[in-house]
């Protein structure tokens, strides 16, 4: 696992833990935070876009490990099946559902 992947995973878990119950995060929030940590003064302001696909992949990987839930239209989806469109992530509660 690369440093960027590890960083994205850690950031995503931190952001999800900081969310209030019933709230979700966008994997791009982790991409933005990772880009901000790695940014140099000469980097473009949209540097985070370089990390967005990897952030989505890491979110799905964390969901496969049971550490996060991947949500589509507010409902959990199976991370082992193809997921199209916009996703959000949340920490699961004790039952495995999104925290409410």
Protein backbone atom coordinates (compact mmCIF):
# COMPACT_ATOMS: atom_id res chain seq x y z
CA UNK A 1 0.00 0.00 0.00
CA UNK A 2 1.37 3.41 -0.94
CA UNK A 3 1.78 6.32 1.44
CA UNK A 4 -1.05 8.11 -0.35
CA UNK A 5 -3.39 5.14 0.05
CA UNK A 6 -2.55 4.84 3.75
CA UNK A 7 -3.01 8.57 4.18
CA UNK A 8 -6.38 8.53 2.40
CA UNK A 9 -7.59 5.61 4.50
CA UNK A 10 -6.56 7.31 7.74
CA UNK A 11 -8.09 10.63 6.72
CA UNK A 12 -11.34 8.97 5.65
CA UNK A 13 -11.66 7.14 8.97
CA UNK A 14 -10.88 10.35 10.89
CA UNK A 15 -13.47 12.35 8.95
CA UNK A 16 -16.11 9.64 9.33
CA UNK A 17 -15.45 9.42 13.08
CA UNK A 18 -15.80 13.20 13.39
CA UNK A 19 -19.22 13.17 11.69
CA UNK A 20 -22.32 13.39 13.78
CA UNK A 21 -24.54 10.29 13.76
CA UNK A 22 -26.65 10.21 10.62
CA UNK A 23 -24.13 12.30 8.68
CA UNK A 24 -21.94 11.03 5.86
CA UNK A 25 -18.77 12.13 4.13
CA UNK A 26 -17.84 12.29 0.49
CA UNK A 27 -14.60 10.42 -0.38
CA UNK A 28 -13.53 13.62 -2.14
CA UNK A 29 -13.33 15.26 1.29
CA UNK A 30 -10.48 12.83 2.07
CA UNK A 31 -8.91 13.58 -1.32
CA UNK A 32 -9.01 17.31 -0.54
CA UNK A 33 -7.49 16.80 2.90
CA UNK A 34 -4.72 14.56 1.52
CA UNK A 35 -3.93 17.06 -1.23
CA UNK A 36 -3.84 19.89 1.29
CA UNK A 37 -1.33 17.97 3.43
CA UNK A 38 0.91 17.21 0.44
CA UNK A 39 0.50 20.48 -1.47
CA UNK A 40 3.48 22.57 -2.46
CA UNK A 41 3.16 26.30 -3.10
CA UNK A 42 3.42 25.70 -6.86
CA UNK A 43 0.67 23.04 -6.99
CA UNK A 44 -2.66 23.91 -8.62
CA UNK A 45 -5.69 24.52 -6.38
CA UNK A 46 -7.45 21.46 -7.82
CA UNK A 47 -4.63 19.07 -6.85
CA UNK A 48 -7.18 17.04 -4.88
CA UNK A 49 -8.70 15.78 -8.14
CA UNK A 50 -5.60 13.62 -8.63
CA UNK A 51 -6.58 11.73 -5.50
CA UNK A 52 -10.34 11.42 -6.08
CA UNK A 53 -10.35 8.03 -7.88
CA UNK A 54 -7.99 6.57 -5.33
CA UNK A 55 -10.12 7.96 -2.47
CA UNK A 56 -13.18 6.24 -3.92
CA UNK A 57 -11.25 2.97 -4.27
CA UNK A 58 -9.97 3.22 -0.70
CA UNK A 59 -13.51 3.90 0.57
CA UNK A 60 -14.72 0.74 -1.12
CA UNK A 61 -11.73 -1.16 0.28
CA UNK A 62 -12.52 0.03 3.80
CA UNK A 63 -16.14 -1.03 3.28
CA UNK A 64 -15.00 -4.51 2.24
CA UNK A 65 -13.03 -4.68 5.50
CA UNK A 66 -16.15 -3.65 7.43
CA UNK A 67 -14.64 -0.37 8.68
CA UNK A 68 -16.95 1.89 6.65
CA UNK A 69 -20.29 1.69 4.90
CA UNK A 70 -20.60 2.81 1.30
CA UNK A 71 -23.90 4.59 0.72
CA UNK A 72 -25.67 5.30 -2.52
CA UNK A 73 -28.74 7.53 -2.32
CA UNK A 74 -28.51 7.23 1.47
CA UNK A 75 -28.70 3.42 1.50
CA UNK A 76 -25.86 0.95 2.09
CA UNK A 77 -24.62 -0.86 -1.01
CA UNK A 78 -22.62 -4.05 -1.39
CA UNK A 79 -18.96 -3.03 -1.82
CA UNK A 80 -18.27 -6.31 -3.63
CA UNK A 81 -20.52 -5.36 -6.53
CA UNK A 82 -19.88 -2.59 -9.08
CA UNK A 83 -20.98 0.80 -7.75
CA UNK A 84 -21.89 3.56 -10.19
CA UNK A 85 -22.49 7.19 -9.43
CA UNK A 86 -21.91 9.33 -6.40
CA UNK A 87 -21.15 7.58 -3.14
CA UNK A 88 -20.89 8.66 0.46
CA UNK A 89 -19.30 6.82 3.37
CA UNK A 90 -20.20 6.49 7.04
CA UNK A 91 -19.07 4.53 10.04
CA UNK A 92 -21.19 1.49 10.75
CA UNK A 93 -22.90 1.14 14.13
CA UNK A 94 -22.87 -2.03 16.24
CA UNK A 95 -25.43 -3.67 13.94
CA UNK A 96 -23.50 -2.83 10.76
CA UNK A 97 -25.96 -0.11 9.68
CA UNK A 98 -25.11 3.56 9.26
CA UNK A 99 -24.99 5.42 12.56
CA UNK A 100 -28.21 7.36 13.16
